[in-house]
């Protein structure tokens, strides 16, 4: 019997949790690599090569700090 997989599960999100919004460019890249399967390929290669940490988390956090998404509305902008 084939198990029904939702889009949220494919993206690695929990079924009952709200959608996780990207804080910056690093989160967007991580979502892209998860969806396309690049992340799982890197994980397999990393494990085969015996590397403990590829630095993906640090890279994601650095990109989020360098290129954050403005999630709060800025009402003080001049038009």
N, C-alpha and C. Protein backbone atom coordinates (compact mmCIF):
# COMPACT_ATOMS: atom_id res chain seq x y z
N UNK A 1 0.84 -1.18 0.00
CA UNK A 1 0.00 0.00 0.00
C UNK A 1 0.88 1.25 0.00
N UNK A 2 0.58 2.17 -0.86
CA UNK A 2 1.36 3.39 -0.99
C UNK A 2 0.94 4.40 0.08
N UNK A 3 1.91 4.99 0.73
CA UNK A 3 1.63 5.99 1.76
C UNK A 3 1.44 7.35 1.10
N UNK A 4 0.40 8.05 1.53
CA UNK A 4 0.12 9.38 1.03
C UNK A 4 1.09 10.36 1.69
N UNK A 5 1.83 11.11 0.88
CA UNK A 5 2.80 12.08 1.39
C UNK A 5 2.34 13.46 0.98
N UNK A 6 2.18 14.34 1.97
CA UNK A 6 1.74 15.70 1.67
C UNK A 6 2.94 16.54 1.25
N UNK A 7 2.66 17.67 0.68
CA UNK A 7 3.70 18.60 0.24
C UNK A 7 4.50 19.08 1.45
N UNK A 8 3.81 19.31 2.58
CA UNK A 8 4.50 19.75 3.80
C UNK A 8 5.51 18.71 4.25
N UNK A 9 5.16 17.42 4.14
CA UNK A 9 6.07 16.36 4.55
C UNK A 9 7.26 16.28 3.60
N UNK A 10 7.03 16.50 2.30
CA UNK A 10 8.12 16.49 1.34
C UNK A 10 9.13 17.59 1.64
N UNK A 11 8.64 18.72 2.15
CA UNK A 11 9.52 19.84 2.48
C UNK A 11 10.14 19.70 3.86
N UNK A 12 9.78 18.64 4.58
CA UNK A 12 10.35 18.42 5.90
C UNK A 12 9.65 19.18 7.00
N UNK A 13 8.43 19.68 6.72
CA UNK A 13 7.68 20.42 7.73
C UNK A 13 6.75 19.46 8.46
N UNK A 14 6.51 19.73 9.71
CA UNK A 14 5.59 18.91 10.48
C UNK A 14 4.16 19.19 10.01
N UNK A 15 3.29 18.18 9.98
CA UNK A 15 1.94 18.35 9.44
C UNK A 15 1.10 19.42 10.14
N UNK A 16 1.24 19.58 11.45
CA UNK A 16 0.39 20.51 12.18
C UNK A 16 1.06 21.83 12.52
N UNK A 17 2.29 22.01 12.12
CA UNK A 17 2.99 23.27 12.40
C UNK A 17 2.67 24.29 11.32
N UNK A 18 2.66 25.56 11.68
CA UNK A 18 2.46 26.59 10.65
C UNK A 18 3.64 26.61 9.69
N UNK A 19 3.45 27.20 8.55
CA UNK A 19 4.51 27.28 7.54
C UNK A 19 5.68 28.06 8.12
N UNK A 20 6.86 27.52 7.94
CA UNK A 20 8.07 28.18 8.43
C UNK A 20 8.53 29.20 7.39
N UNK A 21 8.58 30.45 7.78
CA UNK A 21 8.98 31.50 6.86
C UNK A 21 10.49 31.67 6.87
N UNK A 22 11.03 32.02 5.75
CA UNK A 22 12.46 32.23 5.63
C UNK A 22 12.85 33.53 6.32
N UNK A 23 13.92 33.46 7.10
CA UNK A 23 14.44 34.66 7.77
C UNK A 23 15.35 35.44 6.84
N UNK A 24 15.90 34.75 5.85
CA UNK A 24 16.83 35.41 4.93
C UNK A 24 17.20 34.48 3.79
N UNK A 25 18.21 34.87 3.02
CA UNK A 25 18.63 34.12 1.85
C UNK A 25 19.09 32.71 2.20
N UNK A 26 19.74 32.54 3.35
CA UNK A 26 20.22 31.21 3.75
C UNK A 26 19.09 30.21 3.91
N UNK A 27 17.97 30.63 4.52
CA UNK A 27 16.82 29.74 4.68
C UNK A 27 16.21 29.38 3.33
N UNK A 28 16.16 30.35 2.42
CA UNK A 28 15.60 30.09 1.09
C UNK A 28 16.45 29.08 0.33
N UNK A 29 17.76 29.23 0.41
CA UNK A 29 18.65 28.28 -0.25
C UNK A 29 18.50 26.89 0.36
N UNK A 30 18.37 26.82 1.68
CA UNK A 30 18.19 25.53 2.34
C UNK A 30 16.89 24.86 1.88
N UNK A 31 15.80 25.62 1.79
CA UNK A 31 14.53 25.06 1.32
C UNK A 31 14.66 24.55 -0.12
N UNK A 32 15.36 25.31 -0.96
CA UNK A 32 15.56 24.92 -2.35
C UNK A 32 16.35 23.62 -2.44
N UNK A 33 17.43 23.52 -1.67
CA UNK A 33 18.25 22.31 -1.74
C UNK A 33 17.53 21.09 -1.17
N UNK A 34 16.67 21.30 -0.17
CA UNK A 34 15.86 20.19 0.35
C UNK A 34 14.87 19.70 -0.70
N UNK A 35 14.18 20.66 -1.34
CA UNK A 35 13.15 20.32 -2.31
C UNK A 35 13.72 19.63 -3.54
N UNK A 36 14.89 20.06 -3.99
CA UNK A 36 15.47 19.49 -5.21
C UNK A 36 16.27 18.21 -4.95
N UNK A 37 16.53 17.90 -3.68
CA UNK A 37 17.27 16.69 -3.36
C UNK A 37 18.78 16.89 -3.25
N UNK A 38 19.21 18.12 -3.44
CA UNK A 38 20.64 18.40 -3.35
C UNK A 38 21.13 18.16 -1.93
N UNK A 39 20.33 18.56 -0.95
CA UNK A 39 20.74 18.42 0.45
C UNK A 39 20.96 16.96 0.82
N UNK A 40 20.07 16.07 0.38
CA UNK A 40 20.23 14.65 0.71
C UNK A 40 21.46 14.07 0.00
N UNK A 41 21.75 14.53 -1.21
CA UNK A 41 22.94 14.06 -1.92
C UNK A 41 24.21 14.50 -1.20
N UNK A 42 24.21 15.74 -0.71
CA UNK A 42 25.37 16.25 0.04
C UNK A 42 25.53 15.47 1.33
N UNK A 43 24.42 15.17 2.02
CA UNK A 43 24.47 14.40 3.26
C UNK A 43 25.06 13.00 3.01
N UNK A 44 24.63 12.35 1.93
CA UNK A 44 25.15 11.01 1.60
C UNK A 44 26.65 11.07 1.29
N UNK A 45 27.05 12.06 0.51
CA UNK A 45 28.47 12.21 0.18
C UNK A 45 29.29 12.51 1.43
N UNK A 46 28.74 13.38 2.28
CA UNK A 46 29.43 13.76 3.51
C UNK A 46 29.64 12.54 4.40
N UNK A 47 28.60 11.71 4.54
CA UNK A 47 28.71 10.50 5.36
C UNK A 47 29.69 9.50 4.76
N UNK A 48 29.67 9.37 3.43
CA UNK A 48 30.58 8.43 2.77
C UNK A 48 32.04 8.89 2.90
N UNK A 49 32.25 10.19 2.90
CA UNK A 49 33.60 10.73 3.00
C UNK A 49 34.09 10.81 4.45
N UNK A 50 33.18 10.58 5.39
CA UNK A 50 33.56 10.61 6.80
C UNK A 50 33.69 12.01 7.37
N UNK A 51 33.06 12.97 6.73
CA UNK A 51 33.09 14.36 7.21
C UNK A 51 31.98 14.53 8.23
N UNK A 52 32.33 15.13 9.38
CA UNK A 52 31.33 15.29 10.44
C UNK A 52 30.38 16.46 10.16
N UNK A 53 30.91 17.58 9.72
CA UNK A 53 30.08 18.76 9.49
C UNK A 53 30.51 19.44 8.21
N UNK A 54 29.55 19.65 7.32
CA UNK A 54 29.89 20.30 6.04
C UNK A 54 29.85 21.82 6.14
N UNK A 55 29.33 22.34 7.25
CA UNK A 55 29.26 23.79 7.43
C UNK A 55 28.01 24.42 6.87
N UNK A 56 27.03 23.60 6.50
CA UNK A 56 25.80 24.13 5.90
C UNK A 56 25.04 25.03 6.87
N UNK A 57 24.96 24.64 8.13
CA UNK A 57 24.25 25.45 9.12
C UNK A 57 24.90 26.80 9.35
N UNK A 58 26.22 26.80 9.44
CA UNK A 58 26.95 28.06 9.63
C UNK A 58 26.79 28.95 8.40
N UNK A 59 26.86 28.33 7.22
CA UNK A 59 26.70 29.08 5.97
C UNK A 59 25.30 29.69 5.89
N UNK A 60 24.28 28.89 6.25
CA UNK A 60 22.90 29.38 6.24
C UNK A 60 22.75 30.58 7.17
N UNK A 61 23.27 30.45 8.40
CA UNK A 61 23.16 31.54 9.37
C UNK A 61 23.89 32.79 8.90
N UNK A 62 25.06 32.62 8.30
CA UNK A 62 25.83 33.77 7.78
C UNK A 62 25.06 34.48 6.67
N UNK A 63 24.49 33.71 5.75
CA UNK A 63 23.71 34.31 4.66
C UNK A 63 22.46 35.00 5.19
N UNK A 64 21.84 34.42 6.23
CA UNK A 64 20.67 35.07 6.83
C UNK A 64 21.04 36.41 7.45
N UNK A 65 22.23 36.50 8.07
CA UNK A 65 22.67 37.76 8.67
C UNK A 65 23.04 38.78 7.59
N UNK A 66 23.68 38.32 6.50
CA UNK A 66 24.11 39.24 5.45
C UNK A 66 22.94 39.72 4.58
N UNK A 67 21.97 38.82 4.35
CA UNK A 67 20.84 39.15 3.47
C UNK A 67 19.52 38.78 4.15
N UNK A 68 19.15 39.52 5.21
CA UNK A 68 17.90 39.21 5.91
C UNK A 68 16.70 39.71 5.11
N UNK A 69 15.58 39.05 5.31
CA UNK A 69 14.32 39.51 4.73
C UNK A 69 13.65 40.42 5.75
N UNK A 70 13.15 41.53 5.29
CA UNK A 70 12.47 42.46 6.18
C UNK A 70 11.07 41.91 6.46
N UNK A 71 10.88 41.34 7.65
CA UNK A 71 9.61 40.73 7.97
C UNK A 71 8.68 41.67 8.69
N UNK A 72 9.21 42.78 9.19
CA UNK A 72 8.37 43.76 9.88
C UNK A 72 8.09 44.93 8.93
N UNK A 73 6.85 45.35 8.85
CA UNK A 73 6.55 46.48 7.95
C UNK A 73 7.21 47.76 8.45
N UNK A 74 7.73 48.51 7.53
CA UNK A 74 8.39 49.76 7.86
C UNK A 74 7.43 50.90 7.50
N UNK A 75 6.74 51.40 8.49
CA UNK A 75 5.75 52.46 8.26
C UNK A 75 6.39 53.84 8.21
N UNK A 76 7.68 53.94 8.46
CA UNK A 76 8.35 55.23 8.49
C UNK A 76 9.00 55.60 7.16
N UNK A 77 8.78 54.78 6.13
CA UNK A 77 9.40 55.07 4.84
C UNK A 77 8.74 56.27 4.17
N UNK A 78 9.56 57.11 3.59
CA UNK A 78 9.03 58.25 2.83
C UNK A 78 8.61 57.76 1.46
N UNK A 79 7.48 58.22 1.01
CA UNK A 79 6.98 57.80 -0.32
C UNK A 79 7.42 58.75 -1.38
